[in-house]
Amino acid sequence: MEAPEVPTEHLHEEMEHHAHSGPRWIMGVALSSVLLAVLAAVASFQAGHHESEAMLSQLAASDQWSFFQSKSIKESQLKSKMDILEALGKSVAEEDKKRVEKYAEEKKEIQDRAEEKQKESAFELKAHQLFAPSVTMFQIAIAMGAIAALTKKKPFWFVSLGIGAIGLFFIVQAFLHTHGG
């Protein structure tokens, strides 16, 4: 999936124009919007990175489960051969008995690796899910800042800052999750 794009260039140009021709607080709107845009870019990058890592880990887990199936099939075929030999009253080669034991050990190792990759995937997906809403909140906050600058109505700026604070909450939560906090 592509990372969400933050289409704010035009808004920044308009706000800069209005910042020089309007009330002094408009400069605060412009500065806070720039900060929000930086946070949106960081959150967007992190969301995309963790989504990619989740997919890669899930693919690695699937590969391990396929390998596990392959070993299970080989083990099952060998056990069937041994059962048939025993039913016919023939002796089973010691080498075959050792291979069955080896398959069981290998399957346990493969299963452990597959489960670890699934846990990694779940962790990365959770990180993505925590970063993604912060991008949305920052985008909405930037838009509200633009509305404040264009209409010269200060309450819209406060709404922008409030929504930006919600985005900040999400991004902090995401960083705490990814860094074991």
C-alpha atoms as a PDB file:
ATOM      1  CA  MET A   1       0.000   0.000   0.000  1.00  0.00           C
ATOM      2  CA  GLU A   2       1.100   3.532  -0.647  1.00  0.00           C
ATOM      3  CA  ALA A   3       1.693   5.899   2.217  1.00  0.00           C
ATOM      4  CA  PRO A   4      -1.011   8.521   2.601  1.00  0.00           C
ATOM      5  CA  GLU A   5      -0.133  11.756   0.873  1.00  0.00           C
ATOM      6  CA  VAL A   6      -0.470  15.047   2.724  1.00  0.00           C
ATOM      7  CA  PRO A   7      -1.651  17.569   0.080  1.00  0.00           C
ATOM      8  CA  THR A   8      -0.916  20.794   1.938  1.00  0.00           C
ATOM      9  CA  GLU A   9       1.353  22.766  -0.390  1.00  0.00           C
ATOM     10  CA  HIS A  10      -1.438  25.023  -1.692  1.00  0.00           C
ATOM     11  CA  LEU A  11      -2.803  25.562   1.800  1.00  0.00           C
ATOM     12  CA  HIS A  12       0.630  26.632   3.042  1.00  0.00           C
ATOM     13  CA  GLU A  13       0.964  29.165   0.204  1.00  0.00           C
ATOM     14  CA  GLU A  14      -2.452  30.644   0.983  1.00  0.00           C
ATOM     15  CA  MET A  15      -1.744  30.779   4.703  1.00  0.00           C
ATOM     16  CA  GLU A  16       1.614  32.450   4.115  1.00  0.00           C
ATOM     17  CA  HIS A  17      -0.078  35.090   1.954  1.00  0.00           C
ATOM     18  CA  HIS A  18      -2.734  35.715   4.617  1.00  0.00           C
ATOM     19  CA  ALA A  19      -0.168  35.671   7.428  1.00  0.00           C
ATOM     20  CA  HIS A  20       1.461  38.799   6.077  1.00  0.00           C
ATOM     21  CA  SER A  21      -1.799  40.633   5.408  1.00  0.00           C
ATOM     22  CA  GLY A  22      -3.909  39.725   8.455  1.00  0.00           C
ATOM     23  CA  PRO A  23      -3.920  39.715  12.237  1.00  0.00           C
ATOM     24  CA  ARG A  24      -0.709  38.704  14.051  1.00  0.00           C
ATOM     25  CA  TRP A  25      -2.181  35.414  15.310  1.00  0.00           C
ATOM     26  CA  ILE A  26      -2.329  34.247  11.679  1.00  0.00           C
ATOM     27  CA  MET A  27       1.465  33.824  11.827  1.00  0.00           C
ATOM     28  CA  GLY A  28       0.867  31.387  14.701  1.00  0.00           C
ATOM     29  CA  VAL A  29      -1.552  29.475  12.496  1.00  0.00           C
ATOM     30  CA  ALA A  30       1.067  29.255   9.767  1.00  0.00           C
ATOM     31  CA  LEU A  31       3.785  28.089  12.164  1.00  0.00           C
ATOM     32  CA  SER A  32       1.560  25.534  13.894  1.00  0.00           C
ATOM     33  CA  SER A  33       0.462  24.224  10.483  1.00  0.00           C
ATOM     34  CA  VAL A  34       4.084  23.759   9.444  1.00  0.00           C
ATOM     35  CA  LEU A  35       4.742  21.827  12.652  1.00  0.00           C
ATOM     36  CA  LEU A  36       1.621  19.730  12.059  1.00  0.00           C
ATOM     37  CA  ALA A  37       2.769  19.020   8.492  1.00  0.00           C
ATOM     38  CA  VAL A  38       6.141  17.794   9.774  1.00  0.00           C
ATOM     39  CA  LEU A  39       4.403  15.532  12.301  1.00  0.00           C
ATOM     40  CA  ALA A  40       2.063  14.259   9.576  1.00  0.00           C
ATOM     41  CA  ALA A  41       5.043  13.402   7.381  1.00  0.00           C
ATOM     42  CA  VAL A  42       6.797  11.536  10.208  1.00  0.00           C
ATOM     43  CA  ALA A  43       3.628   9.649  11.138  1.00  0.00           C
ATOM     44  CA  SER A  44       2.928   8.803   7.494  1.00  0.00           C
ATOM     45  CA  PHE A  45       6.446   7.455   7.015  1.00  0.00           C
ATOM     46  CA  GLN A  46       6.225   5.388  10.199  1.00  0.00           C
ATOM     47  CA  ALA A  47       2.769   4.020   9.318  1.00  0.00           C
ATOM     48  CA  GLY A  48       4.021   2.909   5.907  1.00  0.00           C
ATOM     49  CA  HIS A  49       7.204   1.418   7.326  1.00  0.00           C
ATOM     50  CA  HIS A  50       5.368  -0.650   9.939  1.00  0.00           C
ATOM     51  CA  GLU A  51       2.773  -1.788   7.408  1.00  0.00           C
ATOM     52  CA  SER A  52       5.568  -3.050   5.136  1.00  0.00           C
ATOM     53  CA  GLU A  53       7.319  -4.780   8.027  1.00  0.00           C
ATOM     54  CA  ALA A  54       4.035  -6.459   9.032  1.00  0.00           C
ATOM     55  CA  MET A  55       3.581  -7.814   5.516  1.00  0.00           C
ATOM     56  CA  LEU A  56       7.182  -9.036   5.297  1.00  0.00           C
ATOM     57  CA  SER A  57       6.916 -10.807   8.645  1.00  0.00           C
ATOM     58  CA  GLN A  58       3.631 -12.419   7.625  1.00  0.00           C
ATOM     59  CA  LEU A  59       5.195 -13.635   4.371  1.00  0.00           C
ATOM     60  CA  ALA A  60       8.118 -15.106   6.330  1.00  0.00           C
ATOM     61  CA  ALA A  61       5.646 -16.841   8.659  1.00  0.00           C
ATOM     62  CA  SER A  62       3.784 -18.277   5.669  1.00  0.00           C
ATOM     63  CA  ASP A  63       7.063 -19.554   4.237  1.00  0.00           C
ATOM     64  CA  GLN A  64       7.869 -21.257   7.524  1.00  0.00           C
ATOM     65  CA  TRP A  65       4.398 -22.849   7.698  1.00  0.00           C
ATOM     66  CA  SER A  66       4.885 -24.171   4.144  1.00  0.00           C
ATOM     67  CA  PHE A  67       8.222 -25.620   5.165  1.00  0.00           C
ATOM     68  CA  PHE A  68       6.526 -27.158   8.223  1.00  0.00           C
ATOM     69  CA  GLN A  69       3.919 -28.768   5.933  1.00  0.00           C
ATOM     70  CA  SER A  70       6.661 -30.153   3.715  1.00  0.00           C
ATOM     71  CA  LYS A  71       8.393 -31.762   6.686  1.00  0.00           C
ATOM     72  CA  SER A  72       5.045 -33.111   7.933  1.00  0.00           C
ATOM     73  CA  ILE A  73       4.338 -34.744   4.591  1.00  0.00           C
ATOM     74  CA  LYS A  74       7.809 -36.331   4.467  1.00  0.00           C
ATOM     75  CA  GLU A  75       7.394 -37.533   8.047  1.00  0.00           C
ATOM     76  CA  SER A  76       3.952 -38.958   7.291  1.00  0.00           C
ATOM     77  CA  GLN A  77       5.186 -40.788   4.199  1.00  0.00           C
ATOM     78  CA  LEU A  78       8.095 -42.275   6.122  1.00  0.00           C
ATOM     79  CA  LYS A  79       5.795 -43.373   8.973  1.00  0.00           C
ATOM     80  CA  SER A  80       3.447 -44.988   6.450  1.00  0.00           C
ATOM     81  CA  LYS A  81       6.375 -46.872   4.919  1.00  0.00           C
ATOM     82  CA  MET A  82       7.423 -48.035   8.391  1.00  0.00           C
ATOM     83  CA  ASP A  83       3.843 -49.123   9.244  1.00  0.00           C
ATOM     84  CA  ILE A  84       3.582 -51.114   6.021  1.00  0.00           C
ATOM     85  CA  LEU A  85       6.929 -52.826   6.659  1.00  0.00           C
ATOM     86  CA  GLU A  86       5.870 -53.711  10.213  1.00  0.00           C
ATOM     87  CA  ALA A  87       2.501 -55.033   8.954  1.00  0.00           C
ATOM     88  CA  LEU A  88       4.356 -57.265   6.513  1.00  0.00           C
ATOM     89  CA  GLY A  89       6.585 -58.519   9.296  1.00  0.00           C
ATOM     90  CA  LYS A  90       9.673 -56.817   7.902  1.00  0.00           C
ATOM     91  CA  SER A  91      12.149 -54.918   9.970  1.00  0.00           C
ATOM     92  CA  VAL A  92      12.281 -51.118   9.855  1.00  0.00           C
ATOM     93  CA  ALA A  93      15.668 -49.581   9.122  1.00  0.00           C
ATOM     94  CA  GLU A  94      17.233 -47.751  12.047  1.00  0.00           C
ATOM     95  CA  GLU A  95      17.999 -44.897   9.680  1.00  0.00           C
ATOM     96  CA  ASP A  96      14.259 -44.431   9.019  1.00  0.00           C
ATOM     97  CA  LYS A  97      13.505 -44.300  12.749  1.00  0.00           C
ATOM     98  CA  LYS A  98      16.185 -41.636  13.199  1.00  0.00           C
ATOM     99  CA  ARG A  99      14.814 -39.630  10.264  1.00  0.00           C
ATOM    100  CA  VAL A 100      11.325 -39.633  11.817  1.00  0.00           C
ATOM    101  CA  GLU A 101      12.818 -38.276  15.048  1.00  0.00           C
ATOM    102  CA  LYS A 102      14.790 -35.687  13.077  1.00  0.00           C
ATOM    103  CA  TYR A 103      11.638 -34.563  11.235  1.00  0.00           C
ATOM    104  CA  ALA A 104       9.836 -34.089  14.563  1.00  0.00           C
ATOM    105  CA  GLU A 105      12.702 -31.946  15.913  1.00  0.00           C
ATOM    106  CA  GLU A 106      12.912 -29.904  12.715  1.00  0.00           C
ATOM    107  CA  LYS A 107       9.153 -29.350  12.713  1.00  0.00           C
ATOM    108  CA  LYS A 108       9.291 -27.971  16.260  1.00  0.00           C
ATOM    109  CA  GLU A 109      12.043 -25.498  15.285  1.00  0.00           C
ATOM    110  CA  ILE A 110      10.158 -24.458  12.158  1.00  0.00           C
ATOM    111  CA  GLN A 111       6.927 -24.037  14.118  1.00  0.00           C
ATOM    112  CA  ASP A 112       8.709 -21.827  16.671  1.00  0.00           C
ATOM    113  CA  ARG A 113      10.132 -19.624  13.885  1.00  0.00           C
ATOM    114  CA  ALA A 114       6.728 -19.366  12.179  1.00  0.00           C
ATOM    115  CA  GLU A 115       5.007 -18.376  15.410  1.00  0.00           C
ATOM    116  CA  GLU A 116       7.716 -15.781  16.128  1.00  0.00           C
ATOM    117  CA  LYS A 117       7.240 -14.255  12.675  1.00  0.00           C
ATOM    118  CA  GLN A 118       3.481 -14.134  13.251  1.00  0.00           C
ATOM    119  CA  LYS A 119       4.066 -12.278  16.537  1.00  0.00           C
ATOM    120  CA  GLU A 120       6.393  -9.826  14.753  1.00  0.00           C
ATOM    121  CA  SER A 121       3.740  -9.257  12.100  1.00  0.00           C
ATOM    122  CA  ALA A 122       1.054  -8.587  14.714  1.00  0.00           C
ATOM    123  CA  PHE A 123       3.366  -6.141  16.530  1.00  0.00           C
ATOM    124  CA  GLU A 124       4.154  -4.244  13.314  1.00  0.00           C
ATOM    125  CA  LEU A 125       0.505  -4.169  12.263  1.00  0.00           C
ATOM    126  CA  LYS A 126      -0.458  -2.724  15.659  1.00  0.00           C
ATOM    127  CA  ALA A 127       2.215  -0.025  15.218  1.00  0.00           C
ATOM    128  CA  HIS A 128       0.811   0.800  11.776  1.00  0.00           C
ATOM    129  CA  GLN A 129      -2.698   1.012  13.239  1.00  0.00           C
ATOM    130  CA  LEU A 130      -1.470   3.444  15.893  1.00  0.00           C
ATOM    131  CA  PHE A 131       0.428   5.716  13.482  1.00  0.00           C
ATOM    132  CA  ALA A 132      -2.280   5.862  10.786  1.00  0.00           C
ATOM    133  CA  PRO A 133      -4.896   7.810  12.797  1.00  0.00           C
ATOM    134  CA  SER A 134      -2.300  10.401  13.767  1.00  0.00           C
ATOM    135  CA  VAL A 135      -1.763  11.150  10.067  1.00  0.00           C
ATOM    136  CA  THR A 136      -5.494  11.723   9.660  1.00  0.00           C
ATOM    137  CA  MET A 137      -5.694  13.955  12.727  1.00  0.00           C
ATOM    138  CA  PHE A 138      -2.734  16.042  11.565  1.00  0.00           C
ATOM    139  CA  GLN A 139      -4.290  16.462   8.105  1.00  0.00           C
ATOM    140  CA  ILE A 140      -7.586  17.593   9.612  1.00  0.00           C
ATOM    141  CA  ALA A 141      -5.738  19.967  11.946  1.00  0.00           C
ATOM    142  CA  ILE A 142      -3.862  21.503   9.019  1.00  0.00           C
ATOM    143  CA  ALA A 143      -7.134  21.975   7.137  1.00  0.00           C
ATOM    144  CA  MET A 144      -8.725  23.635  10.176  1.00  0.00           C
ATOM    145  CA  GLY A 145      -5.710  25.947  10.422  1.00  0.00           C
ATOM    146  CA  ALA A 146      -6.212  26.889   6.781  1.00  0.00           C
ATOM    147  CA  ILE A 147      -9.863  27.640   7.445  1.00  0.00           C
ATOM    148  CA  ALA A 148      -8.821  29.840  10.390  1.00  0.00           C
ATOM    149  CA  ALA A 149      -6.344  31.759   8.234  1.00  0.00           C
ATOM    150  CA  LEU A 150      -8.700  32.154   5.278  1.00  0.00           C
ATOM    151  CA  THR A 151     -11.726  33.215   7.338  1.00  0.00           C
ATOM    152  CA  LYS A 152      -9.639  35.107   9.945  1.00  0.00           C
ATOM    153  CA  LYS A 153     -11.629  33.385  12.702  1.00  0.00           C
ATOM    154  CA  LYS A 154      -9.417  32.489  15.626  1.00  0.00           C
ATOM    155  CA  PRO A 155     -11.688  29.741  17.086  1.00  0.00           C
ATOM    156  CA  PHE A 156     -10.900  27.567  14.050  1.00  0.00           C
ATOM    157  CA  TRP A 157      -7.220  27.799  14.975  1.00  0.00           C
ATOM    158  CA  PHE A 158      -7.988  26.535  18.483  1.00  0.00           C
ATOM    159  CA  VAL A 159      -9.938  23.650  16.958  1.00  0.00           C
ATOM    160  CA  SER A 160      -6.909  22.985  14.733  1.00  0.00           C
ATOM    161  CA  LEU A 161      -4.613  22.897  17.755  1.00  0.00           C
ATOM    162  CA  GLY A 162      -7.006  20.576  19.605  1.00  0.00           C
ATOM    163  CA  ILE A 163      -7.180  18.135  16.716  1.00  0.00           C
ATOM    164  CA  GLY A 164      -3.401  18.379  16.377  1.00  0.00           C
ATOM    165  CA  ALA A 165      -3.133  17.440  20.073  1.00  0.00           C
ATOM    166  CA  ILE A 166      -5.220  14.326  19.370  1.00  0.00           C
ATOM    167  CA  GLY A 167      -2.835  13.471  16.532  1.00  0.00           C
ATOM    168  CA  LEU A 168       0.073  14.028  18.905  1.00  0.00           C
ATOM    169  CA  PHE A 169      -1.550  11.633  21.391  1.00  0.00           C
ATOM    170  CA  PHE A 170      -1.753   8.928  18.693  1.00  0.00           C
ATOM    171  CA  ILE A 171       1.824   9.427  17.509  1.00  0.00           C
ATOM    172  CA  VAL A 172       3.143   9.278  21.089  1.00  0.00           C
ATOM    173  CA  GLN A 173       1.146   6.085  21.695  1.00  0.00           C
ATOM    174  CA  ALA A 174       2.612   4.594  18.528  1.00  0.00           C
ATOM    175  CA  PHE A 175       6.183   5.492  19.471  1.00  0.00           C
ATOM    176  CA  LEU A 176       5.675   4.077  22.972  1.00  0.00           C
ATOM    177  CA  HIS A 177       4.373   0.854  21.411  1.00  0.00           C
ATOM    178  CA  THR A 178       7.295   0.539  18.999  1.00  0.00           C
ATOM    179  CA  HIS A 179       9.924   1.322  21.611  1.00  0.00           C
ATOM    180  CA  GLY A 180       8.563  -0.912  24.358  1.00  0.00           C
ATOM    181  CA  GLY A 181       7.012   1.845  26.475  1.00  0.00           C
END
